[in-house]
């Protein structure tokens, strides 16, 4: 069994732990499967219908190529580091951690004072992953553990406060009526 097969098995296991059977079933339907179709049957059908590897959504859209290239470089040589970085990248792209460009910049500068994230959060994520890939496995675990999680409720509270300050409280008075 090659490393990519082992990685696929790990990812499937992670999906099974993260999502309920009902959610996974609905996801399979979204991907073109039949309702109540068993995952193995769905994968067999896909294997028959595809001639070769399909480009990922990220490479088709042109986004994610910089960080994907960084991760591809360590995929075979350091699979555990690759998996850690891949999960962290997903959290970053979904806004679960380091939600703003400023957050990415601050976190990157914690690793390297000269860290420059670029002009967009997406560029910053790619550069941050490249910097993280240079770390040893134990150090990488510790650094990722210290990355702050985004608090959506807190962000929304700050947004409401800023709107209240900007509007002079007129919005909150109108909502009270």
N, C-alpha and C. Protein backbone atom coordinates (compact mmCIF):
# COMPACT_ATOMS: atom_id res chain seq x y z
N UNK A 1 0.86 -1.17 0.00
CA UNK A 1 0.00 0.00 0.00
C UNK A 1 0.90 1.24 0.00
N UNK A 2 0.69 2.13 -0.97
CA UNK A 2 1.53 3.32 -1.05
C UNK A 2 1.06 4.41 -0.10
N UNK A 3 1.86 5.44 0.01
CA UNK A 3 1.59 6.53 0.95
C UNK A 3 0.30 7.26 0.61
N UNK A 4 0.04 7.48 -0.67
CA UNK A 4 -1.19 8.20 -1.06
C UNK A 4 -2.43 7.40 -0.66
N UNK A 5 -2.36 6.08 -0.78
CA UNK A 5 -3.49 5.25 -0.37
C UNK A 5 -3.71 5.36 1.13
N UNK A 6 -2.63 5.35 1.89
CA UNK A 6 -2.73 5.50 3.34
C UNK A 6 -3.31 6.88 3.70
N UNK A 7 -2.89 7.91 2.97
CA UNK A 7 -3.41 9.25 3.23
C UNK A 7 -4.90 9.31 2.92
N UNK A 8 -5.32 8.66 1.83
CA UNK A 8 -6.74 8.64 1.48
C UNK A 8 -7.52 7.94 2.58
N UNK A 9 -6.98 6.84 3.09
CA UNK A 9 -7.67 6.11 4.17
C UNK A 9 -7.78 6.98 5.42
N UNK A 10 -6.73 7.72 5.73
CA UNK A 10 -6.78 8.61 6.90
C UNK A 10 -7.82 9.71 6.73
N UNK A 11 -7.88 10.27 5.53
CA UNK A 11 -8.85 11.33 5.28
C UNK A 11 -10.28 10.81 5.37
N UNK A 12 -10.51 9.62 4.81
CA UNK A 12 -11.85 9.03 4.90
C UNK A 12 -12.21 8.78 6.35
N UNK A 13 -11.25 8.29 7.13
CA UNK A 13 -11.49 8.05 8.55
C UNK A 13 -11.82 9.37 9.26
N UNK A 14 -11.09 10.43 8.93
CA UNK A 14 -11.35 11.74 9.54
C UNK A 14 -12.76 12.23 9.20
N UNK A 15 -13.16 12.03 7.95
CA UNK A 15 -14.51 12.42 7.53
C UNK A 15 -15.56 11.64 8.31
N UNK A 16 -15.29 10.35 8.49
CA UNK A 16 -16.25 9.50 9.20
C UNK A 16 -16.36 9.90 10.67
N UNK A 17 -15.28 10.40 11.24
CA UNK A 17 -15.31 10.84 12.64
C UNK A 17 -15.95 12.22 12.77
N UNK A 18 -15.75 13.07 11.76
CA UNK A 18 -16.23 14.45 11.84
C UNK A 18 -17.71 14.59 11.49
N UNK A 19 -18.20 13.76 10.55
CA UNK A 19 -19.56 13.91 10.07
C UNK A 19 -20.39 12.68 10.38
N UNK A 20 -21.68 12.90 10.53
CA UNK A 20 -22.60 11.79 10.80
C UNK A 20 -22.82 11.01 9.51
N UNK A 21 -23.30 9.75 9.63
CA UNK A 21 -23.60 8.98 8.41
C UNK A 21 -24.61 9.69 7.51
N UNK A 22 -25.59 10.36 8.11
CA UNK A 22 -26.58 11.09 7.32
C UNK A 22 -25.94 12.23 6.53
N UNK A 23 -25.03 12.97 7.17
CA UNK A 23 -24.35 14.07 6.48
C UNK A 23 -23.47 13.54 5.34
N UNK A 24 -22.79 12.44 5.59
CA UNK A 24 -21.95 11.86 4.53
C UNK A 24 -22.81 11.35 3.38
N UNK A 25 -23.96 10.77 3.69
CA UNK A 25 -24.86 10.29 2.65
C UNK A 25 -25.36 11.45 1.79
N UNK A 26 -25.72 12.57 2.44
CA UNK A 26 -26.17 13.75 1.70
C UNK A 26 -25.04 14.32 0.85
N UNK A 27 -23.81 14.27 1.36
CA UNK A 27 -22.67 14.76 0.60
C UNK A 27 -22.44 13.91 -0.65
N UNK A 28 -22.61 12.61 -0.52
CA UNK A 28 -22.45 11.71 -1.67
C UNK A 28 -23.49 12.04 -2.74
N UNK A 29 -24.71 12.33 -2.30
CA UNK A 29 -25.76 12.70 -3.25
C UNK A 29 -25.37 13.99 -3.98
N UNK A 30 -24.80 14.97 -3.24
CA UNK A 30 -24.36 16.21 -3.86
C UNK A 30 -23.27 15.97 -4.91
N UNK A 31 -22.48 14.91 -4.72
CA UNK A 31 -21.40 14.59 -5.66
C UNK A 31 -21.87 13.72 -6.82
N UNK A 32 -23.16 13.43 -6.85
CA UNK A 32 -23.69 12.65 -7.96
C UNK A 32 -24.05 11.23 -7.61
N UNK A 33 -23.99 10.88 -6.34
CA UNK A 33 -24.37 9.54 -5.92
C UNK A 33 -25.87 9.41 -5.76
N UNK A 34 -26.29 8.19 -5.53
CA UNK A 34 -27.71 7.91 -5.33
C UNK A 34 -28.03 7.97 -3.84
N UNK A 35 -29.26 8.37 -3.49
CA UNK A 35 -29.64 8.37 -2.07
C UNK A 35 -29.45 6.97 -1.48
N UNK A 36 -28.90 6.93 -0.28
CA UNK A 36 -28.66 5.67 0.46
C UNK A 36 -27.63 4.76 -0.23
N UNK A 37 -26.87 5.29 -1.19
CA UNK A 37 -25.84 4.49 -1.86
C UNK A 37 -24.66 4.31 -0.91
N UNK A 38 -24.14 3.12 -0.84
CA UNK A 38 -23.00 2.82 0.01
C UNK A 38 -21.76 3.50 -0.56
N UNK A 39 -20.89 4.00 0.31
CA UNK A 39 -19.71 4.73 -0.12
C UNK A 39 -18.84 3.90 -1.07
N UNK A 40 -18.67 2.61 -0.78
CA UNK A 40 -17.83 1.75 -1.62
C UNK A 40 -18.41 1.65 -3.04
N UNK A 41 -19.73 1.53 -3.15
CA UNK A 41 -20.35 1.46 -4.48
C UNK A 41 -20.17 2.76 -5.24
N UNK A 42 -20.34 3.87 -4.52
CA UNK A 42 -20.16 5.18 -5.13
C UNK A 42 -18.73 5.33 -5.66
N UNK A 43 -17.72 4.95 -4.85
CA UNK A 43 -16.33 5.08 -5.26
C UNK A 43 -16.01 4.15 -6.44
N UNK A 44 -16.58 2.95 -6.43
CA UNK A 44 -16.38 2.03 -7.56
C UNK A 44 -16.93 2.64 -8.85
N UNK A 45 -18.11 3.24 -8.76
CA UNK A 45 -18.73 3.86 -9.93
C UNK A 45 -17.89 5.02 -10.44
N UNK A 46 -17.36 5.81 -9.53
CA UNK A 46 -16.51 6.94 -9.93
C UNK A 46 -15.24 6.43 -10.60
N UNK A 47 -14.65 5.37 -10.05
CA UNK A 47 -13.43 4.81 -10.62
C UNK A 47 -13.65 4.35 -12.06
N UNK A 48 -14.81 3.77 -12.32
CA UNK A 48 -15.12 3.32 -13.67
C UNK A 48 -15.35 4.48 -14.64
N UNK A 49 -15.88 5.59 -14.12
CA UNK A 49 -16.23 6.73 -14.98
C UNK A 49 -15.09 7.68 -15.25
N UNK A 50 -14.00 7.58 -14.50
CA UNK A 50 -12.89 8.50 -14.69
C UNK A 50 -11.69 7.77 -15.25
N UNK A 51 -11.08 8.38 -16.24
CA UNK A 51 -9.93 7.76 -16.88
C UNK A 51 -8.64 8.02 -16.12
N UNK A 52 -8.55 9.16 -15.45
CA UNK A 52 -7.33 9.51 -14.74
C UNK A 52 -7.63 10.49 -13.64
N UNK A 53 -6.59 10.96 -12.98
CA UNK A 53 -6.81 11.91 -11.90
C UNK A 53 -7.40 13.22 -12.41
N UNK A 54 -8.39 13.70 -11.72
CA UNK A 54 -9.02 14.96 -12.08
C UNK A 54 -8.32 16.11 -11.36
N UNK A 55 -8.20 17.27 -11.99
CA UNK A 55 -7.61 18.40 -11.29
C UNK A 55 -8.50 18.81 -10.14
N UNK A 56 -7.87 19.23 -9.06
CA UNK A 56 -8.64 19.63 -7.90
C UNK A 56 -9.39 20.93 -8.18
N UNK A 57 -10.36 21.23 -7.36
CA UNK A 57 -11.11 22.47 -7.51
C UNK A 57 -10.20 23.67 -7.39
N UNK A 58 -9.20 23.58 -6.50
CA UNK A 58 -8.30 24.70 -6.31
C UNK A 58 -7.48 24.97 -7.57
N UNK A 59 -6.98 23.92 -8.22
CA UNK A 59 -6.16 24.18 -9.39
C UNK A 59 -7.01 24.62 -10.58
N UNK A 60 -8.28 24.19 -10.63
CA UNK A 60 -9.14 24.65 -11.72
C UNK A 60 -9.46 26.13 -11.59
N UNK A 61 -9.62 26.58 -10.37
CA UNK A 61 -9.98 27.98 -10.16
C UNK A 61 -8.76 28.89 -10.18
N UNK A 62 -7.57 28.29 -10.13
CA UNK A 62 -6.36 29.10 -10.11
C UNK A 62 -5.96 29.52 -8.73
N UNK A 63 -6.76 29.22 -7.72
CA UNK A 63 -6.45 29.59 -6.35
C UNK A 63 -5.85 28.39 -5.65
N UNK A 64 -5.01 28.64 -4.68
CA UNK A 64 -4.48 27.56 -3.88
C UNK A 64 -3.25 26.90 -4.47
N UNK A 65 -2.78 27.35 -5.62
CA UNK A 65 -1.67 26.66 -6.26
C UNK A 65 -0.37 26.88 -5.50
N UNK A 66 -0.16 28.02 -4.91
CA UNK A 66 1.09 28.28 -4.20
C UNK A 66 1.21 27.39 -2.98
N UNK A 67 0.17 27.33 -2.16
CA UNK A 67 0.23 26.48 -0.97
C UNK A 67 0.18 25.01 -1.35
N UNK A 68 -0.54 24.67 -2.41
CA UNK A 68 -0.60 23.28 -2.85
C UNK A 68 0.78 22.82 -3.30
N UNK A 69 1.52 23.68 -3.97
CA UNK A 69 2.87 23.33 -4.42
C UNK A 69 3.78 23.09 -3.22
N UNK A 70 3.68 23.94 -2.21
CA UNK A 70 4.47 23.78 -0.99
C UNK A 70 4.16 22.44 -0.33
N UNK A 71 2.90 22.11 -0.24
CA UNK A 71 2.50 20.86 0.41
C UNK A 71 2.89 19.66 -0.44
N UNK A 72 2.79 19.76 -1.76
CA UNK A 72 3.17 18.64 -2.63
C UNK A 72 4.64 18.28 -2.46
N UNK A 73 5.47 19.28 -2.17
CA UNK A 73 6.90 19.04 -2.04
C UNK A 73 7.22 18.13 -0.85
N UNK A 74 6.37 18.11 0.18
CA UNK A 74 6.64 17.28 1.36
C UNK A 74 5.70 16.08 1.47
N UNK A 75 4.79 15.94 0.54
CA UNK A 75 3.78 14.88 0.61
C UNK A 75 4.40 13.50 0.78
N UNK A 76 5.35 13.15 -0.05
CA UNK A 76 5.95 11.81 -0.02
C UNK A 76 7.02 11.67 1.05
N UNK A 77 7.80 12.72 1.25
CA UNK A 77 8.94 12.61 2.17
C UNK A 77 8.55 12.73 3.64
N UNK A 78 7.55 13.56 3.94
CA UNK A 78 7.14 13.78 5.33
C UNK A 78 5.61 13.75 5.42
N UNK A 79 5.01 12.56 5.34
CA UNK A 79 3.55 12.48 5.29
C UNK A 79 2.85 13.02 6.53
N UNK A 80 3.45 12.87 7.70
CA UNK A 80 2.80 13.37 8.91
C UNK A 80 2.79 14.89 8.93
N UNK A 81 3.89 15.49 8.53
CA UNK A 81 3.97 16.95 8.45
C UNK A 81 3.00 17.45 7.39
N UNK A 82 2.95 16.74 6.26
CA UNK A 82 2.02 17.10 5.19
C UNK A 82 0.59 17.11 5.72
N UNK A 83 0.21 16.07 6.46
CA UNK A 83 -1.16 15.97 6.96
C UNK A 83 -1.48 17.10 7.92
N UNK A 84 -0.54 17.42 8.82
CA UNK A 84 -0.74 18.54 9.75
C UNK A 84 -0.95 19.86 8.99
N UNK A 85 -0.10 20.11 8.01
CA UNK A 85 -0.20 21.35 7.25
C UNK A 85 -1.47 21.39 6.41
N UNK A 86 -1.89 20.25 5.90
CA UNK A 86 -3.10 20.20 5.08
C UNK A 86 -4.33 20.54 5.91
N UNK A 87 -4.40 19.97 7.11
CA UNK A 87 -5.52 20.26 8.01
C UNK A 87 -5.50 21.73 8.40
N UNK A 88 -4.30 22.25 8.70
CA UNK A 88 -4.17 23.65 9.08
C UNK A 88 -4.56 24.56 7.91
N UNK A 89 -4.14 24.20 6.70
CA UNK A 89 -4.51 24.99 5.52
C UNK A 89 -6.03 25.04 5.36
N UNK A 90 -6.68 23.91 5.55
CA UNK A 90 -8.14 23.85 5.44
C UNK A 90 -8.79 24.77 6.47
N UNK A 91 -8.27 24.74 7.70
CA UNK A 91 -8.81 25.62 8.74
C UNK A 91 -8.61 27.08 8.37
N UNK A 92 -7.46 27.40 7.80
CA UNK A 92 -7.21 28.78 7.38
C UNK A 92 -8.15 29.21 6.26
N UNK A 93 -8.28 28.36 5.25
CA UNK A 93 -9.11 28.72 4.10
C UNK A 93 -10.59 28.83 4.47
N UNK A 94 -11.02 28.06 5.46
CA UNK A 94 -12.41 28.12 5.89
C UNK A 94 -12.65 29.19 6.95
N UNK A 95 -11.59 29.93 7.31
CA UNK A 95 -11.74 31.02 8.26
C UNK A 95 -11.85 30.58 9.71
N UNK A 96 -11.51 29.33 10.00
CA UNK A 96 -11.57 28.84 11.37
C UNK A 96 -10.41 29.38 12.20
N UNK A 97 -9.33 29.73 11.53
CA UNK A 97 -8.16 30.30 12.21
C UNK A 97 -7.62 31.44 11.36
N UNK A 98 -7.01 32.41 12.01
CA UNK A 98 -6.38 33.54 11.33
C UNK A 98 -7.29 34.09 10.25
N UNK A 99 -8.37 34.66 10.66
CA UNK A 99 -9.47 35.06 9.76
C UNK A 99 -9.15 36.24 8.85
N UNK A 100 -8.20 37.08 9.25
CA UNK A 100 -7.90 38.27 8.45
C UNK A 100 -6.44 38.27 7.98
N UNK A 101 -6.15 39.12 7.02
CA UNK A 101 -4.77 39.27 6.56
C UNK A 101 -3.88 39.73 7.71
N UNK A 102 -4.41 40.61 8.54
CA UNK A 102 -3.66 41.09 9.71
C UNK A 102 -3.30 39.92 10.63
N UNK A 103 -4.23 39.00 10.85
CA UNK A 103 -3.97 37.83 11.70
C UNK A 103 -2.86 36.97 11.09
N UNK A 104 -2.92 36.76 9.77
CA UNK A 104 -1.90 35.95 9.08
C UNK A 104 -0.55 36.63 9.21
N UNK A 105 -0.52 37.96 9.01
CA UNK A 105 0.73 38.72 9.12
C UNK A 105 1.32 38.61 10.52
N UNK A 106 0.49 38.82 11.54
CA UNK A 106 0.97 38.76 12.92
C UNK A 106 1.51 37.38 13.26
N UNK A 107 0.79 36.36 12.86
CA UNK A 107 1.22 35.00 13.15
C UNK A 107 2.52 34.67 12.41
N UNK A 108 2.62 35.08 11.15
CA UNK A 108 3.84 34.85 10.39
C UNK A 108 5.03 35.58 10.97
N UNK A 109 4.81 36.79 11.46
CA UNK A 109 5.90 37.57 12.05
C UNK A 109 6.33 37.00 13.40
N UNK A 110 5.45 36.22 14.02
CA UNK A 110 5.84 35.52 15.23
C UNK A 110 6.90 34.46 14.89
N UNK A 111 6.81 33.89 13.70
CA UNK A 111 7.77 32.88 13.25
C UNK A 111 9.04 33.51 12.69
N UNK A 112 8.86 34.60 11.96
CA UNK A 112 9.97 35.26 11.29
C UNK A 112 9.65 36.75 11.22
N UNK A 113 10.47 37.57 11.84
CA UNK A 113 10.22 39.02 11.89
C UNK A 113 10.12 39.63 10.50
N UNK A 114 10.75 39.02 9.50
CA UNK A 114 10.75 39.54 8.13
C UNK A 114 9.59 39.00 7.30
N UNK A 115 8.68 38.24 7.90
CA UNK A 115 7.58 37.63 7.16
C UNK A 115 6.71 38.69 6.50
N UNK A 116 6.49 38.53 5.19
CA UNK A 116 5.63 39.43 4.41
C UNK A 116 4.54 38.58 3.77
N UNK A 117 3.28 38.77 4.18
CA UNK A 117 2.21 37.93 3.65
C UNK A 117 1.77 38.29 2.24
N UNK A 118 2.21 39.40 1.72
CA UNK A 118 1.74 39.83 0.40
C UNK A 118 0.53 40.72 0.55
N UNK A 119 -0.22 40.87 -0.55
CA UNK A 119 -1.33 41.81 -0.56
C UNK A 119 -2.68 41.20 -0.23
N UNK A 120 -2.76 39.87 -0.25
CA UNK A 120 -4.05 39.24 0.04
C UNK A 120 -3.88 38.17 1.11
N UNK A 121 -4.96 37.85 1.76
CA UNK A 121 -4.94 36.80 2.78
C UNK A 121 -4.54 35.47 2.14
N UNK A 122 -5.04 35.23 0.94
CA UNK A 122 -4.73 33.98 0.25
C UNK A 122 -3.23 33.84 -0.01
N UNK A 123 -2.60 34.91 -0.49
CA UNK A 123 -1.15 34.88 -0.69
C UNK A 123 -0.44 34.66 0.63
N UNK A 124 -0.94 35.32 1.67
CA UNK A 124 -0.34 35.18 3.00
C UNK A 124 -0.40 33.75 3.50
N UNK A 125 -1.51 33.06 3.23
CA UNK A 125 -1.64 31.67 3.66
C UNK A 125 -0.59 30.80 2.96
N UNK A 126 -0.41 31.01 1.66
CA UNK A 126 0.60 30.25 0.93
C UNK A 126 2.00 30.49 1.48
N UNK A 127 2.32 31.73 1.75
CA UNK A 127 3.64 32.07 2.27
C UNK A 127 3.82 31.53 3.70
N UNK A 128 2.75 31.58 4.47
CA UNK A 128 2.81 31.06 5.83
C UNK A 128 3.04 29.55 5.82
N UNK A 129 2.34 28.84 4.95
CA UNK A 129 2.53 27.39 4.86
C UNK A 129 3.95 27.04 4.43
N UNK A 130 4.50 27.83 3.53
CA UNK A 130 5.88 27.60 3.11
C UNK A 130 6.83 27.76 4.29
N UNK A 131 6.60 28.78 5.10
CA UNK A 131 7.43 29.01 6.28
C UNK A 131 7.25 27.87 7.29
N UNK A 132 6.01 27.44 7.48
CA UNK A 132 5.74 26.35 8.43
C UNK A 132 6.36 25.04 7.97
N UNK A 133 6.43 24.81 6.66
CA UNK A 133 6.98 23.57 6.13
C UNK A 133 8.47 23.43 6.45
N UNK A 134 9.12 24.54 6.75
CA UNK A 134 10.54 24.52 7.08
C UNK A 134 10.80 24.03 8.51
N UNK A 135 9.76 24.02 9.34
CA UNK A 135 9.92 23.64 10.75
C UNK A 135 9.98 22.13 10.91
N UNK A 136 10.56 21.71 12.03
CA UNK A 136 10.54 20.30 12.39
C UNK A 136 9.13 19.90 12.83
N UNK A 137 8.86 18.61 12.87
CA UNK A 137 7.51 18.12 13.16
C UNK A 137 7.02 18.55 14.54
N UNK A 138 7.85 18.39 15.57
CA UNK A 138 7.42 18.77 16.93
C UNK A 138 7.20 20.27 17.04
N UNK A 139 8.10 21.04 16.45
CA UNK A 139 7.95 22.50 16.49
C UNK A 139 6.70 22.93 15.72
N UNK A 140 6.44 22.27 14.59
CA UNK A 140 5.26 22.57 13.79
C UNK A 140 3.99 22.33 14.60
N UNK A 141 3.93 21.20 15.29
CA UNK A 141 2.75 20.91 16.13
C UNK A 141 2.52 22.02 17.15
N UNK A 142 3.59 22.45 17.79
CA UNK A 142 3.48 23.49 18.82
C UNK A 142 3.03 24.82 18.22
N UNK A 143 3.58 25.18 17.09
CA UNK A 143 3.23 26.45 16.44
C UNK A 143 1.76 26.43 16.00
N UNK A 144 1.33 25.34 15.40
CA UNK A 144 -0.07 25.25 14.96
C UNK A 144 -1.01 25.29 16.16
N UNK A 145 -0.60 24.65 17.25
CA UNK A 145 -1.42 24.67 18.46
C UNK A 145 -1.62 26.10 18.97
N UNK A 146 -0.61 26.95 18.78
CA UNK A 146 -0.69 28.33 19.25
C UNK A 146 -1.45 29.26 18.31
N UNK A 147 -1.77 28.79 17.12
CA UNK A 147 -2.50 29.64 16.17
C UNK A 147 -3.91 29.88 16.71
N UNK A 148 -4.28 31.14 16.86
CA UNK A 148 -5.59 31.42 17.46
C UNK A 148 -6.75 31.02 16.54
N UNK A 149 -7.76 30.45 17.16
CA UNK A 149 -8.99 30.12 16.43
C UNK A 149 -9.80 31.40 16.27
N UNK A 150 -10.48 31.51 15.15
CA UNK A 150 -11.33 32.67 14.90
C UNK A 150 -12.60 32.52 15.72
N UNK A 151 -12.99 33.59 16.36
CA UNK A 151 -14.22 33.59 17.14
C UNK A 151 -15.24 34.41 16.38
N UNK A 152 -16.13 33.74 15.67
CA UNK A 152 -17.11 34.42 14.83
C UNK A 152 -18.01 35.32 15.66
N UNK A 153 -18.44 34.85 16.81
CA UNK A 153 -19.32 35.66 17.66
C UNK A 153 -18.62 36.94 18.09
N UNK A 154 -17.34 36.82 18.45
CA UNK A 154 -16.58 37.99 18.87
C UNK A 154 -16.43 38.97 17.71
N UNK A 155 -16.16 38.45 16.51
CA UNK A 155 -16.01 39.31 15.34
C UNK A 155 -17.31 40.04 15.04
N UNK A 156 -18.42 39.34 15.14
CA UNK A 156 -19.71 39.97 14.89
C UNK A 156 -20.02 41.02 15.96
N UNK A 157 -19.61 40.77 17.19
CA UNK A 157 -19.83 41.75 18.26
C UNK A 157 -19.05 43.03 17.97
N UNK A 158 -17.80 42.88 17.53
CA UNK A 158 -17.01 44.06 17.17
C UNK A 158 -17.62 44.80 15.99
N UNK A 159 -18.15 44.05 15.04
CA UNK A 159 -18.79 44.67 13.89
C UNK A 159 -20.01 45.47 14.33
N UNK A 160 -20.84 44.89 15.19
CA UNK A 160 -22.01 45.62 15.70
C UNK A 160 -21.59 46.86 16.48
N UNK A 161 -20.54 46.73 17.30
CA UNK A 161 -20.06 47.87 18.06
C UNK A 161 -19.56 48.97 17.13
N UNK A 162 -18.80 48.60 16.10
CA UNK A 162 -18.30 49.63 15.18
C UNK A 162 -19.44 50.31 14.44
N UNK A 163 -20.45 49.56 14.04
CA UNK A 163 -21.61 50.17 13.38
C UNK A 163 -22.33 51.12 14.32
N UNK A 164 -22.45 50.72 15.57
CA UNK A 164 -23.11 51.56 16.56
C UNK A 164 -22.35 52.87 16.75
N UNK A 165 -21.03 52.78 16.83
CA UNK A 165 -20.20 53.97 17.01
C UNK A 165 -20.29 54.88 15.79
N UNK A 166 -20.22 54.29 14.60
CA UNK A 166 -20.25 55.08 13.37
C UNK A 166 -21.61 55.76 13.19
N UNK A 167 -22.68 55.03 13.49
CA UNK A 167 -24.01 55.60 13.27
C UNK A 167 -24.46 56.49 14.43
N UNK A 168 -23.70 56.54 15.49
CA UNK A 168 -24.08 57.36 16.63
C UNK A 168 -25.24 56.76 17.40
N UNK A 169 -25.45 55.45 17.30
CA UNK A 169 -26.49 54.78 18.06
C UNK A 169 -27.85 54.82 17.38
N UNK A 170 -27.94 55.40 16.18
CA UNK A 170 -29.24 55.53 15.50
C UNK A 170 -29.79 54.15 15.12
N UNK A 171 -28.91 53.21 14.70
CA UNK A 171 -29.35 51.89 14.31
C UNK A 171 -29.98 51.15 15.48
N UNK A 172 -29.36 51.23 16.65
CA UNK A 172 -29.89 50.48 17.79
C UNK A 172 -31.21 51.09 18.27
N UNK A 173 -31.38 52.41 18.13
CA UNK A 173 -32.65 53.03 18.52
C UNK A 173 -33.76 52.61 17.57
N UNK A 174 -33.45 52.49 16.28
CA UNK A 174 -34.46 52.08 15.32
C UNK A 174 -34.86 50.62 15.54
N UNK A 175 -33.91 49.78 15.94
CA UNK A 175 -34.22 48.39 16.19
C UNK A 175 -35.04 48.24 17.46
N UNK A 176 -34.90 49.14 18.43
CA UNK A 176 -35.64 49.06 19.69
C UNK A 176 -37.12 49.38 19.48
N UNK A 177 -37.47 50.16 18.45
CA UNK A 177 -38.87 50.53 18.20
C UNK A 177 -39.67 49.45 17.65
